[in-house]
Amino acid sequence: MGGVHQVISDRIYPAQYPQGATLPVIVYANAGKERHKNLNGFNGLEVTRIQLECIGATYTSAKQLGDLVLADLDDFTGTVGTLNVRRIAYISDTDVPYLSANENDTFSCRQDYYITIKR
């Protein structure tokens, strides 16, 4: 994530970002997983749907981060750590106000992706 890393460094959090975190940030959540099978059982392919919230102090900063994420992730293939990523496919995005216990005036660009890996 070249462009994304330059903007947020390591500010990527599961479910919710910590109080006082510097914006912008990315919050991620697993939105479902599917294991593919054939007649012999599990064939090693897993498809996970993830939701990413690109959160910024302004609408513009959230959208700009979302654009960087899309450029870095859509149609990605390769190895990440020990995972063989067959494809990351962009599904959709939605602009939403992000209300958390931490902040009241933040903005979010929510993006959904399918990530297909081979185990």
N, C-alpha and C. Protein backbone atom coordinates (compact mmCIF):
# COMPACT_ATOMS: atom_id res chain seq x y z
N MET A 1 0.84 -1.18 0.00
CA MET A 1 0.00 0.00 0.00
C MET A 1 0.87 1.24 0.00
N GLY A 2 1.46 1.51 -1.12
CA GLY A 2 2.39 2.62 -1.23
C GLY A 2 1.82 3.96 -0.83
N GLY A 3 0.83 4.46 -1.56
CA GLY A 3 0.26 5.77 -1.28
C GLY A 3 -0.45 5.83 0.05
N VAL A 4 -1.12 4.76 0.41
CA VAL A 4 -1.83 4.71 1.68
C VAL A 4 -0.85 4.79 2.84
N HIS A 5 0.22 4.03 2.78
CA HIS A 5 1.20 4.02 3.87
C HIS A 5 1.81 5.41 4.09
N GLN A 6 2.03 6.14 3.02
CA GLN A 6 2.58 7.49 3.14
C GLN A 6 1.64 8.42 3.91
N VAL A 7 0.33 8.19 3.79
CA VAL A 7 -0.65 9.07 4.43
C VAL A 7 -0.96 8.65 5.86
N ILE A 8 -1.10 7.33 6.10
CA ILE A 8 -1.55 6.90 7.44
C ILE A 8 -0.51 6.09 8.22
N SER A 9 0.62 5.77 7.62
CA SER A 9 1.64 4.96 8.29
C SER A 9 1.02 3.65 8.72
N ASP A 10 0.98 3.38 10.03
CA ASP A 10 0.42 2.12 10.52
C ASP A 10 -0.91 2.31 11.26
N ARG A 11 -1.62 3.39 10.96
CA ARG A 11 -2.88 3.68 11.64
C ARG A 11 -4.04 2.92 10.99
N ILE A 12 -3.99 1.59 11.11
CA ILE A 12 -5.03 0.69 10.60
C ILE A 12 -5.49 -0.15 11.80
N TYR A 13 -6.80 -0.10 12.09
CA TYR A 13 -7.31 -0.69 13.33
C TYR A 13 -8.50 -1.60 13.06
N PRO A 14 -8.64 -2.67 13.86
CA PRO A 14 -9.84 -3.51 13.76
C PRO A 14 -11.01 -2.88 14.51
N ALA A 15 -12.17 -2.84 13.89
CA ALA A 15 -13.45 -2.45 14.49
C ALA A 15 -13.58 -0.98 14.88
N GLN A 16 -12.61 -0.42 15.60
CA GLN A 16 -12.71 0.97 16.05
C GLN A 16 -11.31 1.52 16.27
N TYR A 17 -11.12 2.78 15.98
CA TYR A 17 -9.79 3.35 16.22
C TYR A 17 -9.70 3.89 17.64
N PRO A 18 -8.48 3.90 18.21
CA PRO A 18 -8.33 4.31 19.60
C PRO A 18 -8.57 5.81 19.80
N GLN A 19 -9.03 6.15 20.96
CA GLN A 19 -9.25 7.55 21.31
C GLN A 19 -7.94 8.32 21.17
N GLY A 20 -8.03 9.48 20.56
CA GLY A 20 -6.87 10.34 20.39
C GLY A 20 -6.00 10.01 19.19
N ALA A 21 -6.39 9.00 18.40
CA ALA A 21 -5.59 8.65 17.22
C ALA A 21 -5.57 9.82 16.24
N THR A 22 -4.44 10.01 15.59
CA THR A 22 -4.31 11.04 14.57
C THR A 22 -5.07 10.60 13.34
N LEU A 23 -5.88 11.49 12.80
CA LEU A 23 -6.63 11.20 11.56
C LEU A 23 -5.80 11.65 10.36
N PRO A 24 -5.94 11.01 9.23
CA PRO A 24 -6.90 9.95 8.90
C PRO A 24 -6.42 8.58 9.36
N VAL A 25 -7.39 7.65 9.45
CA VAL A 25 -7.14 6.27 9.83
C VAL A 25 -7.97 5.35 8.95
N ILE A 26 -7.66 4.07 9.01
CA ILE A 26 -8.49 3.04 8.39
C ILE A 26 -8.94 2.09 9.49
N VAL A 27 -10.23 1.79 9.49
CA VAL A 27 -10.81 0.79 10.39
C VAL A 27 -11.35 -0.33 9.51
N TYR A 28 -11.05 -1.58 9.88
CA TYR A 28 -11.50 -2.70 9.05
C TYR A 28 -12.36 -3.67 9.85
N ALA A 29 -13.20 -4.39 9.12
CA ALA A 29 -14.05 -5.42 9.72
C ALA A 29 -14.27 -6.53 8.72
N ASN A 30 -14.31 -7.74 9.23
CA ASN A 30 -14.64 -8.90 8.41
C ASN A 30 -16.15 -8.92 8.22
N ALA A 31 -16.60 -8.96 6.98
CA ALA A 31 -18.03 -8.96 6.70
C ALA A 31 -18.52 -10.32 6.21
N GLY A 32 -17.68 -11.33 6.32
CA GLY A 32 -18.09 -12.68 5.94
C GLY A 32 -16.97 -13.44 5.25
N LYS A 33 -17.03 -14.77 5.35
CA LYS A 33 -16.03 -15.62 4.72
C LYS A 33 -16.72 -16.83 4.10
N GLU A 34 -16.21 -17.23 2.96
CA GLU A 34 -16.76 -18.38 2.26
C GLU A 34 -15.61 -19.30 1.85
N ARG A 35 -15.73 -20.57 2.18
CA ARG A 35 -14.73 -21.56 1.78
C ARG A 35 -15.27 -22.32 0.58
N HIS A 36 -14.52 -22.35 -0.50
CA HIS A 36 -14.97 -23.02 -1.71
C HIS A 36 -14.71 -24.51 -1.62
N LYS A 37 -15.66 -25.28 -2.13
CA LYS A 37 -15.55 -26.73 -2.11
C LYS A 37 -15.81 -27.30 -3.50
N ASN A 38 -15.24 -28.47 -3.72
CA ASN A 38 -15.56 -29.25 -4.91
C ASN A 38 -16.01 -30.63 -4.42
N LEU A 39 -16.08 -31.61 -5.30
CA LEU A 39 -16.55 -32.94 -4.90
C LEU A 39 -15.66 -33.60 -3.86
N ASN A 40 -14.41 -33.18 -3.76
CA ASN A 40 -13.47 -33.74 -2.80
C ASN A 40 -13.40 -32.95 -1.50
N GLY A 41 -14.22 -31.93 -1.34
CA GLY A 41 -14.20 -31.10 -0.14
C GLY A 41 -13.58 -29.75 -0.39
N PHE A 42 -13.01 -29.18 0.65
CA PHE A 42 -12.41 -27.85 0.57
C PHE A 42 -11.27 -27.84 -0.45
N ASN A 43 -11.35 -26.91 -1.40
CA ASN A 43 -10.33 -26.87 -2.46
C ASN A 43 -9.22 -25.85 -2.21
N GLY A 44 -9.20 -25.26 -1.03
CA GLY A 44 -8.12 -24.34 -0.69
C GLY A 44 -8.41 -22.88 -0.95
N LEU A 45 -9.50 -22.56 -1.65
CA LEU A 45 -9.84 -21.17 -1.92
C LEU A 45 -10.79 -20.63 -0.86
N GLU A 46 -10.44 -19.47 -0.32
CA GLU A 46 -11.30 -18.76 0.61
C GLU A 46 -11.55 -17.36 0.09
N VAL A 47 -12.80 -16.93 0.18
CA VAL A 47 -13.16 -15.57 -0.21
C VAL A 47 -13.70 -14.87 1.03
N THR A 48 -13.03 -13.79 1.41
CA THR A 48 -13.45 -12.99 2.56
C THR A 48 -13.92 -11.64 2.07
N ARG A 49 -15.06 -11.22 2.58
CA ARG A 49 -15.54 -9.87 2.29
C ARG A 49 -15.12 -8.98 3.45
N ILE A 50 -14.41 -7.90 3.15
CA ILE A 50 -14.01 -6.96 4.19
C ILE A 50 -14.60 -5.59 3.91
N GLN A 51 -14.82 -4.86 4.99
CA GLN A 51 -15.24 -3.47 4.89
C GLN A 51 -14.14 -2.61 5.48
N LEU A 52 -13.74 -1.61 4.72
CA LEU A 52 -12.74 -0.65 5.18
C LEU A 52 -13.42 0.70 5.35
N GLU A 53 -13.18 1.31 6.48
CA GLU A 53 -13.66 2.67 6.73
C GLU A 53 -12.46 3.60 6.65
N CYS A 54 -12.44 4.44 5.65
CA CYS A 54 -11.39 5.46 5.50
C CYS A 54 -11.92 6.71 6.20
N ILE A 55 -11.36 7.02 7.35
CA ILE A 55 -11.92 8.05 8.23
C ILE A 55 -11.00 9.25 8.28
N GLY A 56 -11.59 10.42 8.08
CA GLY A 56 -10.83 11.66 8.12
C GLY A 56 -11.56 12.74 8.88
N ALA A 57 -10.83 13.79 9.19
CA ALA A 57 -11.42 14.93 9.90
C ALA A 57 -12.32 15.74 8.98
N THR A 58 -12.11 15.61 7.66
CA THR A 58 -12.94 16.30 6.68
C THR A 58 -13.42 15.29 5.65
N TYR A 59 -14.47 15.65 4.96
CA TYR A 59 -14.99 14.80 3.88
C TYR A 59 -13.92 14.60 2.82
N THR A 60 -13.21 15.66 2.48
CA THR A 60 -12.18 15.58 1.44
C THR A 60 -11.06 14.63 1.83
N SER A 61 -10.60 14.69 3.08
CA SER A 61 -9.50 13.81 3.49
C SER A 61 -9.94 12.34 3.51
N ALA A 62 -11.19 12.07 3.90
CA ALA A 62 -11.69 10.69 3.88
C ALA A 62 -11.78 10.18 2.44
N LYS A 63 -12.27 11.01 1.53
CA LYS A 63 -12.39 10.60 0.12
C LYS A 63 -11.02 10.41 -0.52
N GLN A 64 -10.07 11.28 -0.21
CA GLN A 64 -8.73 11.14 -0.77
C GLN A 64 -8.07 9.85 -0.29
N LEU A 65 -8.23 9.52 0.99
CA LEU A 65 -7.70 8.26 1.50
C LEU A 65 -8.39 7.09 0.81
N GLY A 66 -9.69 7.17 0.64
CA GLY A 66 -10.43 6.12 -0.07
C GLY A 66 -9.92 5.92 -1.49
N ASP A 67 -9.62 7.00 -2.18
CA ASP A 67 -9.08 6.90 -3.54
C ASP A 67 -7.72 6.20 -3.55
N LEU A 68 -6.89 6.49 -2.55
CA LEU A 68 -5.57 5.84 -2.46
C LEU A 68 -5.73 4.34 -2.17
N VAL A 69 -6.65 4.00 -1.27
CA VAL A 69 -6.89 2.59 -0.95
C VAL A 69 -7.35 1.84 -2.18
N LEU A 70 -8.30 2.42 -2.90
CA LEU A 70 -8.80 1.79 -4.12
C LEU A 70 -7.68 1.57 -5.13
N ALA A 71 -6.84 2.56 -5.32
CA ALA A 71 -5.72 2.44 -6.27
C ALA A 71 -4.75 1.35 -5.85
N ASP A 72 -4.51 1.20 -4.54
CA ASP A 72 -3.55 0.21 -4.04
C ASP A 72 -4.12 -1.20 -4.02
N LEU A 73 -5.42 -1.36 -3.73
CA LEU A 73 -5.98 -2.69 -3.51
C LEU A 73 -6.68 -3.33 -4.70
N ASP A 74 -7.42 -2.55 -5.47
CA ASP A 74 -8.26 -3.15 -6.51
C ASP A 74 -7.42 -3.93 -7.52
N ASP A 75 -7.80 -5.18 -7.73
CA ASP A 75 -7.14 -6.11 -8.65
C ASP A 75 -5.75 -6.52 -8.20
N PHE A 76 -5.42 -6.33 -6.93
CA PHE A 76 -4.12 -6.78 -6.41
C PHE A 76 -4.05 -8.30 -6.45
N THR A 77 -2.91 -8.82 -6.85
CA THR A 77 -2.58 -10.24 -6.74
C THR A 77 -1.15 -10.32 -6.24
N GLY A 78 -0.83 -11.38 -5.50
CA GLY A 78 0.53 -11.55 -5.03
C GLY A 78 0.57 -12.20 -3.67
N THR A 79 1.72 -12.15 -3.05
CA THR A 79 1.92 -12.76 -1.74
C THR A 79 2.02 -11.67 -0.68
N VAL A 80 1.26 -11.85 0.39
CA VAL A 80 1.31 -10.94 1.54
C VAL A 80 1.64 -11.80 2.75
N GLY A 81 2.84 -11.63 3.27
CA GLY A 81 3.29 -12.53 4.33
C GLY A 81 3.37 -13.94 3.78
N THR A 82 2.57 -14.84 4.34
CA THR A 82 2.52 -16.22 3.85
C THR A 82 1.27 -16.50 3.03
N LEU A 83 0.43 -15.48 2.82
CA LEU A 83 -0.82 -15.68 2.09
C LEU A 83 -0.63 -15.50 0.58
N ASN A 84 -1.20 -16.44 -0.17
CA ASN A 84 -1.22 -16.35 -1.62
C ASN A 84 -2.53 -15.66 -2.01
N VAL A 85 -2.45 -14.37 -2.27
CA VAL A 85 -3.64 -13.59 -2.63
C VAL A 85 -3.89 -13.76 -4.12
N ARG A 86 -4.99 -14.43 -4.44
CA ARG A 86 -5.35 -14.63 -5.84
C ARG A 86 -5.89 -13.35 -6.47
N ARG A 87 -6.69 -12.61 -5.67
CA ARG A 87 -7.24 -11.35 -6.20
C ARG A 87 -7.95 -10.60 -5.09
N ILE A 88 -7.80 -9.28 -5.11
CA ILE A 88 -8.63 -8.40 -4.30
C ILE A 88 -9.53 -7.65 -5.27
N ALA A 89 -10.83 -7.77 -5.07
CA ALA A 89 -11.80 -7.18 -5.98
C ALA A 89 -12.65 -6.14 -5.25
N TYR A 90 -12.65 -4.93 -5.78
CA TYR A 90 -13.48 -3.83 -5.26
C TYR A 90 -14.94 -4.16 -5.53
N ILE A 91 -15.80 -3.94 -4.53
CA ILE A 91 -17.23 -4.18 -4.70
C ILE A 91 -17.99 -2.86 -4.80
N SER A 92 -17.86 -2.03 -3.75
CA SER A 92 -18.62 -0.78 -3.73
C SER A 92 -18.07 0.15 -2.67
N ASP A 93 -18.56 1.39 -2.69
CA ASP A 93 -18.24 2.32 -1.61
C ASP A 93 -19.45 3.18 -1.28
N THR A 94 -19.44 3.70 -0.06
CA THR A 94 -20.53 4.53 0.44
C THR A 94 -19.93 5.63 1.31
N ASP A 95 -20.43 6.82 1.18
CA ASP A 95 -20.02 7.93 2.05
C ASP A 95 -20.96 7.95 3.25
N VAL A 96 -20.38 7.92 4.45
CA VAL A 96 -21.20 7.93 5.66
C VAL A 96 -20.58 8.82 6.71
N PRO A 97 -21.41 9.49 7.52
CA PRO A 97 -20.84 10.18 8.67
C PRO A 97 -20.39 9.12 9.66
N TYR A 98 -19.25 9.30 10.26
CA TYR A 98 -18.70 8.30 11.18
C TYR A 98 -18.84 8.83 12.58
N LEU A 99 -19.72 8.22 13.34
CA LEU A 99 -19.93 8.63 14.72
C LEU A 99 -19.34 7.56 15.63
N SER A 100 -18.40 7.95 16.44
CA SER A 100 -17.79 7.00 17.36
C SER A 100 -17.74 7.62 18.75
N ALA A 101 -17.32 6.82 19.69
CA ALA A 101 -17.16 7.34 21.05
C ALA A 101 -16.01 8.34 21.11
N ASN A 102 -15.14 8.31 20.08
CA ASN A 102 -13.95 9.15 20.10
C ASN A 102 -14.18 10.54 19.53
N GLU A 103 -14.93 10.61 18.47
CA GLU A 103 -15.08 11.87 17.73
C GLU A 103 -16.54 12.05 17.34
N ASN A 104 -16.97 13.27 17.16
CA ASN A 104 -18.32 13.52 16.66
C ASN A 104 -18.32 14.04 15.24
N ASP A 105 -17.26 14.68 14.83
CA ASP A 105 -17.24 15.32 13.52
C ASP A 105 -16.18 14.68 12.63
N THR A 106 -16.37 13.43 12.31
CA THR A 106 -15.47 12.77 11.37
C THR A 106 -16.29 12.30 10.18
N PHE A 107 -15.59 12.00 9.10
CA PHE A 107 -16.24 11.56 7.87
C PHE A 107 -15.61 10.26 7.43
N SER A 108 -16.42 9.45 6.74
CA SER A 108 -15.95 8.13 6.36
C SER A 108 -16.36 7.79 4.95
N CYS A 109 -15.44 7.15 4.27
CA CYS A 109 -15.71 6.53 2.98
C CYS A 109 -15.60 5.02 3.22
N ARG A 110 -16.71 4.30 3.21
CA ARG A 110 -16.71 2.86 3.45
C ARG A 110 -16.55 2.13 2.12
N GLN A 111 -15.60 1.22 2.08
CA GLN A 111 -15.35 0.43 0.87
C GLN A 111 -15.46 -1.05 1.20
N ASP A 112 -16.07 -1.80 0.29
CA ASP A 112 -16.17 -3.25 0.44
C ASP A 112 -15.32 -3.92 -0.63
N TYR A 113 -14.62 -4.99 -0.22
CA TYR A 113 -13.76 -5.75 -1.12
C TYR A 113 -13.96 -7.24 -0.88
N TYR A 114 -13.77 -8.04 -1.92
CA TYR A 114 -13.63 -9.49 -1.81
C TYR A 114 -12.14 -9.79 -1.91
N ILE A 115 -11.63 -10.59 -0.98
CA ILE A 115 -10.24 -11.03 -1.03
C ILE A 115 -10.25 -12.55 -1.20
N THR A 116 -9.69 -13.01 -2.31
CA THR A 116 -9.62 -14.45 -2.58
C THR A 116 -8.19 -14.91 -2.32
N ILE A 117 -8.06 -15.90 -1.42
CA ILE A 117 -6.74 -16.46 -1.12
C ILE A 117 -6.74 -17.96 -1.37
N LYS A 118 -5.57 -18.49 -1.60
CA LYS A 118 -5.37 -19.93 -1.76
C LYS A 118 -4.59 -20.42 -0.56
N ARG A 119 -5.15 -21.35 0.18
CA ARG A 119 -4.48 -21.94 1.36
C ARG A 119 -3.66 -23.13 0.95
